[in-house]
Amino acid sequence: MRSLDERAVPFRHRMVEALWSMGVKDRVVLDAMASIPRHRYVDRFWAAATGKPWTPEHVREFVVDDDAADETLRVIYEPSTALATRGPVDVPHATSSLSAPVIVALMLAELHLRPGLRVLEIGTGSGYHAALMATLVGDPALVTTLDIDQSVITETLQRLHRLGFHAMTVRCVDGAVGAPDRAPFDRVVATVGCADLSPAWRDQLVPGGEMLVPLEHGLLHPRVQIHRASELGGRFVGQSGFIPIRGVRGTARLWPRPGPLLDTGTVEDLPEWFLEAVPQGGLSESRRLHATWDFGTYLALRDRRASGAGLIEHDSGAMIRQGRLVVTGAHGHLLKTRMLEVAADWCAHGSPDLSRYSMRFVPLSVADDDPSSDSPMGPWRIVRLDHRQTIWITTP
């Protein structure tokens, strides 16, 4: 009988081929992912059946050992599947996970890693992402990875040592403090959803260095690429959702969290003019979803009650769900009116996607004269924990 490692090889190759077809064109990143056995970075996990929601009836536990079935390997190497490794499994509130391969690949490409760069990672998790970064920079000693969960660190440190990454620095600490004794870093990357950039990350980054941070914005965490020059300038590079950071920054929420109120309500058709901007036919399901997220990104700039592609206030909401408009609660009709008003502006200005935005971050301790407005093109200001983020739409 073939070993688990031998049986995993074709699954890993198919994953890499699928990532290429999904738009990951960085051959160096794909070669690294072809060389690292993802299945060796998780001992057990929970995942929902393909195409099913994360609900108790659809979530299964998988154990990874030499007797694991090929179905387990298929799930591990499925390009779009994240694996929950710790925390509640009956709801999507895991405290640690192994990100979907497509997100891992995109983030590695967005980091522009090359041999010799020093990297700080916030959110060690399974160690898979850190191992890939170590491969790309050419030396595990150049990678420092932090996690607040001691049980995660204990398990992952043993795993990394077993797999040959002895020289990597792996610490149990609140990631917000960074690793000043290991600084400076050429890259800082967070693999958790963050309400703001930590001042420590900014201070520990070399001039000209880059950060990649999934930054809270509405319900999701679009990945923001930040460059340290005379100021911190940035741009959105992709949409994603991450487990929120824990520790001193783990309780901050800048937008409301959705609740059960959105599971019921009046279901209405969306206006034709909006459906033309977010077509429900003729595009792949993934592209339609991303177009809806694009609208949600814009909505979160215009109204702080935004949650995904909708608005929530107390017990009322108006939300786009599967191409329909769900309105619930006593004030849902008012939220619907406001949401459609913003949607009309979004459509009138070309339905901007993430690539149309630019931004800067200024510490709250520094005077900033940037204006803020509710105009359709911005600029808009978001006051985060330590920074004012100013965002505007650029001309295509």
Protein backbone atom coordinates (compact mmCIF):
# COMPACT_ATOMS: atom_id res chain seq x y z
CA MET A 1 0.00 0.00 0.00
CA ARG A 2 1.33 3.43 -0.93
CA SER A 3 2.18 5.87 1.86
CA LEU A 4 0.16 9.01 2.55
CA ASP A 5 2.96 11.15 1.10
CA GLU A 6 2.96 9.13 -2.11
CA ARG A 7 -0.82 9.29 -2.44
CA ALA A 8 -0.74 13.06 -1.84
CA VAL A 9 1.51 13.85 -4.81
CA PRO A 10 -1.18 13.82 -7.55
CA PHE A 11 -3.55 15.84 -5.36
CA ARG A 12 -0.85 18.47 -4.83
CA HIS A 13 -0.09 18.63 -8.55
CA ARG A 14 -3.77 19.04 -9.39
CA MET A 15 -4.00 21.82 -6.79
CA VAL A 16 -1.13 23.71 -8.44
CA GLU A 17 -2.69 23.29 -11.90
CA ALA A 18 -6.01 24.57 -10.55
CA LEU A 19 -4.33 27.59 -8.93
CA TRP A 20 -2.79 28.51 -12.29
CA SER A 21 -6.21 28.34 -13.95
CA MET A 22 -7.64 30.48 -11.12
CA GLY A 23 -5.24 33.30 -11.95
CA VAL A 24 -2.15 32.61 -9.82
CA LYS A 25 0.60 33.10 -12.42
CA ASP A 26 3.66 33.38 -10.15
CA ARG A 27 5.63 30.26 -11.06
CA VAL A 28 8.03 30.64 -8.13
CA VAL A 29 5.11 30.59 -5.68
CA LEU A 30 3.49 27.64 -7.45
CA ASP A 31 6.76 25.69 -7.43
CA ALA A 32 7.06 26.28 -3.68
CA MET A 33 3.49 25.05 -3.15
CA ALA A 34 4.24 22.00 -5.27
CA SER A 35 7.20 21.19 -3.03
CA ILE A 36 5.58 21.61 0.41
CA PRO A 37 3.26 18.78 1.56
CA ARG A 38 0.20 20.67 2.83
CA HIS A 39 -1.21 17.50 4.41
CA ARG A 40 1.74 17.37 6.83
CA TYR A 41 0.71 20.68 8.41
CA VAL A 42 -2.57 19.48 9.87
CA ASP A 43 -3.33 16.47 12.09
CA ARG A 44 -7.10 16.86 12.09
CA PHE A 45 -9.52 19.45 10.80
CA TRP A 46 -13.14 20.31 10.14
CA ALA A 47 -14.52 21.35 6.80
CA ALA A 48 -17.91 21.75 5.15
CA ALA A 49 -18.87 19.52 2.25
CA THR A 50 -18.06 21.06 -1.14
CA GLY A 51 -20.60 23.72 -2.05
CA LYS A 52 -22.39 23.45 1.31
CA PRO A 53 -22.82 26.14 4.02
CA TRP A 54 -20.88 25.92 7.27
CA THR A 55 -23.69 24.40 9.34
CA PRO A 56 -23.66 21.41 11.74
CA GLU A 57 -25.25 19.05 9.24
CA HIS A 58 -22.60 19.78 6.60
CA VAL A 59 -19.42 20.04 8.70
CA ARG A 60 -17.26 16.92 9.02
CA GLU A 61 -14.20 16.09 11.08
CA PHE A 62 -11.20 14.63 9.22
CA VAL A 63 -8.18 12.89 10.77
CA VAL A 64 -4.91 12.99 8.87
CA ASP A 65 -2.78 9.88 9.33
CA ASP A 66 -1.36 7.10 7.15
CA ASP A 67 -4.80 5.48 7.02
CA ALA A 68 -6.54 8.66 5.84
CA ALA A 69 -8.81 8.14 2.86
CA ASP A 70 -8.20 9.83 -0.47
CA GLU A 71 -11.27 11.97 0.29
CA THR A 72 -9.28 13.58 3.13
CA LEU A 73 -6.46 14.45 0.74
CA ARG A 74 -8.96 15.79 -1.78
CA VAL A 75 -10.36 18.22 0.81
CA ILE A 76 -6.90 19.29 2.01
CA TYR A 77 -5.79 20.14 -1.53
CA GLU A 78 -9.09 21.61 -2.75
CA PRO A 79 -7.99 25.11 -3.91
CA SER A 80 -10.90 27.03 -2.40
CA THR A 81 -11.34 25.14 0.88
CA ALA A 82 -10.15 26.50 4.24
CA LEU A 83 -9.69 24.00 7.07
CA ALA A 84 -10.75 24.85 10.63
CA THR A 85 -8.24 23.39 13.08
CA ARG A 86 -9.36 24.89 16.42
CA GLY A 87 -12.40 26.49 18.01
CA PRO A 88 -16.17 25.98 17.62
CA VAL A 89 -16.94 23.82 14.60
CA ASP A 90 -20.75 24.12 14.57
CA VAL A 91 -20.47 27.74 13.42
CA PRO A 92 -17.75 29.51 11.38
CA HIS A 93 -16.04 30.93 14.46
CA ALA A 94 -12.85 28.88 14.48
CA THR A 95 -9.90 30.32 16.39
CA SER A 96 -7.29 28.82 14.07
CA SER A 97 -7.39 27.54 10.53
CA LEU A 98 -5.41 26.59 7.46
CA SER A 99 -6.32 29.10 4.77
CA ALA A 100 -7.56 27.94 1.37
CA PRO A 101 -4.68 27.27 -1.06
CA VAL A 102 -5.86 30.00 -3.43
CA ILE A 103 -5.66 32.62 -0.64
CA VAL A 104 -2.24 31.31 0.43
CA ALA A 105 -0.96 31.49 -3.15
CA LEU A 106 -2.34 34.98 -3.78
CA MET A 107 -0.86 36.35 -0.56
CA LEU A 108 2.54 34.85 -1.28
CA ALA A 109 2.51 36.43 -4.73
CA GLU A 110 1.37 39.77 -3.27
CA LEU A 111 4.30 39.76 -0.82
CA HIS A 112 6.87 39.76 -3.66
CA LEU A 113 9.21 37.56 -1.65
CA ARG A 114 12.72 36.86 -2.85
CA PRO A 115 15.85 35.29 -1.34
CA GLY A 116 17.33 37.23 1.56
CA LEU A 117 14.23 39.15 2.69
CA ARG A 118 13.35 39.15 6.40
CA VAL A 119 9.70 38.43 7.13
CA LEU A 120 7.42 38.86 10.16
CA GLU A 121 4.20 36.84 10.19
CA ILE A 122 1.27 37.54 12.52
CA GLY A 123 -0.75 34.36 13.00
CA THR A 124 1.36 31.19 12.89
CA GLY A 125 -1.52 28.74 12.66
CA SER A 126 -0.39 25.40 11.27
CA GLY A 127 2.98 26.70 10.08
CA TYR A 128 2.18 25.97 6.41
CA HIS A 129 2.33 29.62 5.30
CA ALA A 130 5.54 30.20 7.28
CA ALA A 131 7.15 27.14 5.69
CA LEU A 132 6.28 28.41 2.23
CA MET A 133 7.70 31.85 3.02
CA ALA A 134 10.89 30.27 4.35
CA THR A 135 11.21 28.37 1.07
CA LEU A 136 10.75 31.56 -0.96
CA VAL A 137 13.26 33.67 1.02
CA GLY A 138 15.77 30.84 1.01
CA ASP A 139 16.40 30.45 4.75
CA PRO A 140 14.03 29.60 7.65
CA ALA A 141 16.15 31.86 9.91
CA LEU A 142 14.80 34.87 7.99
CA VAL A 143 11.20 34.13 9.08
CA THR A 144 9.70 35.13 12.44
CA THR A 145 6.15 33.98 13.13
CA LEU A 146 3.93 34.88 16.10
CA ASP A 147 0.73 33.45 17.54
CA ILE A 148 -1.12 34.23 20.76
CA ASP A 149 -2.30 30.64 21.35
CA GLN A 150 0.28 28.61 23.31
CA SER A 151 -1.26 25.29 22.26
CA VAL A 152 -0.94 26.32 18.62
CA ILE A 153 2.69 27.35 19.10
CA THR A 154 3.62 24.15 20.96
CA GLU A 155 2.11 21.92 18.29
CA THR A 156 3.35 23.94 15.32
CA LEU A 157 6.89 24.34 16.66
CA GLN A 158 7.18 20.56 16.95
CA ARG A 159 5.78 20.17 13.45
CA LEU A 160 8.15 22.70 11.90
CA HIS A 161 11.15 21.10 13.59
CA ARG A 162 10.02 17.66 12.40
CA LEU A 163 9.76 18.98 8.83
CA GLY A 164 13.19 20.61 8.86
CA PHE A 165 12.47 24.26 9.73
CA HIS A 166 14.56 24.35 12.93
CA ALA A 167 16.00 27.81 12.37
CA MET A 168 12.67 29.61 12.15
CA THR A 169 11.73 31.87 15.08
CA VAL A 170 8.33 30.77 16.43
CA ARG A 171 6.92 32.65 19.43
CA CYS A 172 3.82 32.73 21.59
CA VAL A 173 3.05 36.44 21.98
CA ASP A 174 0.34 38.95 21.12
CA GLY A 175 1.12 39.65 17.48
CA ALA A 176 0.36 43.34 17.90
CA VAL A 177 3.73 43.85 19.64
CA GLY A 178 5.71 42.33 16.79
CA ALA A 179 9.27 41.17 17.44
CA PRO A 180 11.45 44.25 18.07
CA ASP A 181 14.57 42.20 18.80
CA ARG A 182 14.27 40.55 15.36
CA ALA A 183 13.58 43.79 13.48
CA PRO A 184 13.89 45.34 11.01
CA PHE A 185 11.76 43.36 8.55
CA ASP A 186 11.42 43.73 4.80
CA ARG A 187 7.91 42.29 4.88
CA VAL A 188 5.17 42.09 7.51
CA VAL A 189 2.18 39.88 6.81
CA ALA A 190 -0.90 39.19 8.90
CA THR A 191 -2.88 36.00 8.35
CA VAL A 192 -5.68 37.19 10.64
CA GLY A 193 -8.33 39.85 10.14
CA CYS A 194 -7.21 43.17 11.67
CA ALA A 195 -9.04 46.33 12.71
CA ASP A 196 -5.90 48.40 12.09
CA LEU A 197 -2.19 48.26 11.41
CA SER A 198 -0.24 47.86 14.61
CA PRO A 199 2.19 50.77 15.24
CA ALA A 200 4.78 48.11 16.10
CA TRP A 201 4.53 46.58 12.62
CA ARG A 202 4.99 50.01 11.07
CA ASP A 203 8.01 50.78 13.26
CA GLN A 204 9.63 47.39 12.64
CA LEU A 205 9.33 47.67 8.85
CA VAL A 206 12.32 48.96 6.88
CA PRO A 207 11.85 52.10 4.77
CA GLY A 208 10.66 50.85 1.41
CA GLY A 209 9.31 47.68 3.02
CA GLU A 210 5.81 46.31 2.53
CA MET A 211 2.98 45.08 4.72
CA LEU A 212 0.13 42.80 3.65
CA VAL A 213 -2.80 43.00 6.05
CA PRO A 214 -6.38 41.68 5.79
CA LEU A 215 -8.04 44.84 7.08
CA GLU A 216 -11.57 44.92 8.44
CA HIS A 217 -13.90 46.65 6.00
CA GLY A 218 -17.57 45.89 6.36
CA LEU A 219 -18.12 42.18 6.93
CA LEU A 220 -14.96 41.05 5.11
CA HIS A 221 -11.20 41.58 5.29
CA PRO A 222 -9.91 42.84 1.94
CA ARG A 223 -6.18 42.38 1.70
CA VAL A 224 -4.36 45.71 1.80
CA GLN A 225 -0.82 46.09 0.48
CA ILE A 226 0.97 48.93 2.28
CA HIS A 227 4.28 50.50 1.29
CA ARG A 228 6.40 52.38 3.83
CA ALA A 229 7.84 55.54 2.30
CA SER A 230 7.52 59.09 3.60
CA GLU A 231 3.98 58.03 4.44
CA LEU A 232 2.09 54.74 4.57
CA GLY A 233 0.35 54.38 1.22
CA GLY A 234 -1.69 51.40 0.22
CA ARG A 235 -4.16 49.70 -2.07
CA PHE A 236 -6.59 46.84 -2.02
CA VAL A 237 -5.18 43.73 -3.71
CA GLY A 238 -7.94 41.18 -3.12
CA GLN A 239 -11.03 40.26 -1.18
CA SER A 240 -11.00 37.69 1.62
CA GLY A 241 -12.38 36.77 5.02
CA PHE A 242 -10.15 35.83 7.97
CA ILE A 243 -10.45 34.79 11.59
CA PRO A 244 -10.17 38.06 13.58
CA ILE A 245 -6.97 38.78 15.44
CA ARG A 246 -6.99 37.95 19.15
CA GLY A 247 -5.34 39.76 22.04
CA VAL A 248 -5.56 43.45 22.93
CA ARG A 249 -6.92 44.27 19.46
CA GLY A 250 -9.27 41.34 19.23
CA THR A 251 -12.40 43.06 20.52
CA ALA A 252 -12.40 46.06 18.17
CA ARG A 253 -15.20 46.12 15.61
CA LEU A 254 -15.57 49.11 13.30
CA TRP A 255 -18.67 47.82 11.50
CA PRO A 256 -21.66 45.88 12.90
CA ARG A 257 -21.73 42.10 12.96
CA PRO A 258 -24.68 40.41 11.20
CA GLY A 259 -27.12 38.43 13.30
CA PRO A 260 -30.07 36.04 12.86
CA LEU A 261 -32.23 38.98 11.79
CA LEU A 262 -30.99 38.53 8.23
CA ASP A 263 -32.19 34.93 7.99
CA THR A 264 -35.82 35.99 7.64
CA GLY A 265 -37.68 38.87 6.04
CA THR A 266 -39.28 40.06 2.85
CA VAL A 267 -37.51 38.92 -0.31
CA GLU A 268 -37.59 41.33 -3.23
CA ASP A 269 -36.13 41.55 -6.72
CA LEU A 270 -33.16 43.83 -7.18
CA PRO A 271 -33.57 46.75 -9.63
CA GLU A 272 -32.68 45.98 -13.24
CA TRP A 273 -30.06 48.73 -13.29
CA PHE A 274 -28.23 47.04 -10.43
CA LEU A 275 -28.45 43.60 -12.02
CA GLU A 276 -26.78 45.05 -15.12
CA ALA A 277 -23.81 46.08 -12.93
CA VAL A 278 -23.75 42.73 -11.10
CA PRO A 279 -25.10 40.32 -13.73
CA GLN A 280 -26.74 37.16 -12.43
CA GLY A 281 -26.19 35.33 -15.72
CA GLY A 282 -23.32 35.12 -18.15
CA LEU A 283 -20.62 35.30 -15.48
CA SER A 284 -19.13 32.60 -13.30
CA GLU A 285 -20.51 32.28 -9.79
CA SER A 286 -17.12 33.42 -8.45
CA ARG A 287 -17.13 36.59 -10.58
CA ARG A 288 -20.71 37.44 -9.58
CA LEU A 289 -19.75 37.01 -5.93
CA HIS A 290 -16.74 39.28 -6.34
CA ALA A 291 -18.88 41.92 -8.06
CA THR A 292 -21.25 41.85 -5.08
CA TRP A 293 -18.26 42.20 -2.76
CA ASP A 294 -17.08 45.16 -4.84
CA PHE A 295 -20.37 46.87 -4.12
CA GLY A 296 -20.08 45.95 -0.43
CA THR A 297 -16.63 47.58 -0.30
CA TYR A 298 -18.08 50.83 -1.66
CA LEU A 299 -21.13 50.63 0.61
CA ALA A 300 -18.90 50.32 3.71
CA LEU A 301 -17.21 53.60 2.74
CA ARG A 302 -20.50 55.42 2.36
CA ASP A 303 -22.31 54.06 5.41
CA ARG A 304 -20.86 52.65 8.63
CA ARG A 305 -23.91 50.44 9.09
CA ALA A 306 -22.63 48.31 6.21
CA SER A 307 -22.22 44.58 6.69
CA GLY A 308 -21.23 42.77 3.52
CA ALA A 309 -23.51 43.82 0.67
CA GLY A 310 -26.14 45.35 2.94
CA LEU A 311 -26.96 47.57 5.90
CA ILE A 312 -27.77 46.57 9.48
CA GLU A 313 -29.08 48.71 12.32
CA HIS A 314 -30.31 47.18 15.57
CA ASP A 315 -33.03 44.67 14.66
CA SER A 316 -33.42 45.77 11.04
CA GLY A 317 -31.51 45.07 7.86
CA ALA A 318 -31.43 45.18 4.07
CA MET A 319 -29.04 42.69 2.47
CA ILE A 320 -28.29 41.25 -0.96
CA ARG A 321 -28.54 37.48 -0.73
CA GLN A 322 -28.15 35.18 -3.75
CA GLY A 323 -29.18 37.84 -6.21
CA ARG A 324 -32.22 38.97 -4.21
CA LEU A 325 -32.84 41.74 -1.70
CA VAL A 326 -33.78 40.62 1.84
CA VAL A 327 -35.47 43.32 3.95
CA THR A 328 -36.24 42.68 7.62
CA GLY A 329 -37.19 44.57 10.78
CA ALA A 330 -39.21 47.68 11.50
CA HIS A 331 -36.73 50.00 9.76
CA GLY A 332 -35.64 47.67 6.98
CA HIS A 333 -37.40 49.74 4.33
CA LEU A 334 -35.36 52.82 5.31
CA LEU A 335 -32.13 50.83 5.11
CA LYS A 336 -33.22 49.51 1.72
CA THR A 337 -33.78 53.06 0.46
CA ARG A 338 -30.34 54.15 1.64
CA MET A 339 -28.62 51.06 0.23
CA LEU A 340 -30.20 51.53 -3.20
CA GLU A 341 -29.24 55.22 -3.14
CA VAL A 342 -25.60 54.22 -2.63
CA ALA A 343 -25.94 51.44 -5.20
CA ALA A 344 -27.09 54.00 -7.78
CA ASP A 345 -23.94 56.07 -7.12
CA TRP A 346 -21.75 52.96 -7.43
CA CYS A 347 -23.30 52.06 -10.77
CA ALA A 348 -23.17 55.66 -12.04
CA HIS A 349 -19.41 55.77 -11.44
CA GLY A 350 -18.61 52.59 -13.31
CA SER A 351 -19.13 50.00 -10.53
CA PRO A 352 -15.55 50.40 -9.23
CA ASP A 353 -13.77 47.25 -8.13
CA LEU A 354 -10.96 46.98 -5.60
CA SER A 355 -8.29 48.04 -8.08
CA ARG A 356 -9.82 51.54 -8.35
CA TYR A 357 -9.03 52.57 -4.76
CA SER A 358 -5.97 54.22 -3.28
CA MET A 359 -5.38 54.99 0.39
CA ARG A 360 -3.03 56.40 3.00
CA PHE A 361 -2.64 55.79 6.74
CA VAL A 362 -1.70 58.59 9.15
CA PRO A 363 -1.11 57.97 12.88
CA LEU A 364 -3.82 59.50 15.08
CA SER A 365 -1.07 61.38 16.91
CA VAL A 366 -0.24 63.30 13.72
CA ALA A 367 -2.37 66.22 12.52
CA ASP A 368 -4.06 65.40 9.24
CA ASP A 369 -5.93 67.85 7.04
CA ASP A 370 -7.37 65.26 4.65
CA PRO A 371 -11.02 66.05 4.02
CA SER A 372 -13.75 63.48 4.45
CA SER A 373 -17.03 63.45 2.62
CA ASP A 374 -20.00 61.37 1.57
CA SER A 375 -19.49 62.27 -2.07
CA PRO A 376 -19.75 59.38 -4.57
CA MET A 377 -16.00 59.50 -5.30
CA GLY A 378 -14.69 60.32 -1.83
CA PRO A 379 -12.31 60.88 -0.22
CA TRP A 380 -13.56 58.99 2.83
CA ARG A 381 -11.91 58.79 6.24
CA ILE A 382 -12.01 55.78 8.56
CA VAL A 383 -10.75 56.38 12.10
CA ARG A 384 -9.20 53.10 13.18
CA LEU A 385 -7.46 52.24 16.45
CA ASP A 386 -4.15 54.00 15.80
CA HIS A 387 -4.50 55.43 12.29
CA ARG A 388 -6.75 57.55 10.14
CA GLN A 389 -7.26 55.77 6.85
CA THR A 390 -8.17 58.01 3.91
CA ILE A 391 -9.52 56.26 0.79
CA TRP A 392 -10.43 57.63 -2.59
CA ILE A 393 -11.37 56.31 -6.02
CA THR A 394 -8.86 56.84 -8.79
CA THR A 395 -9.71 57.59 -12.41
CA PRO A 396 -9.53 54.40 -14.51
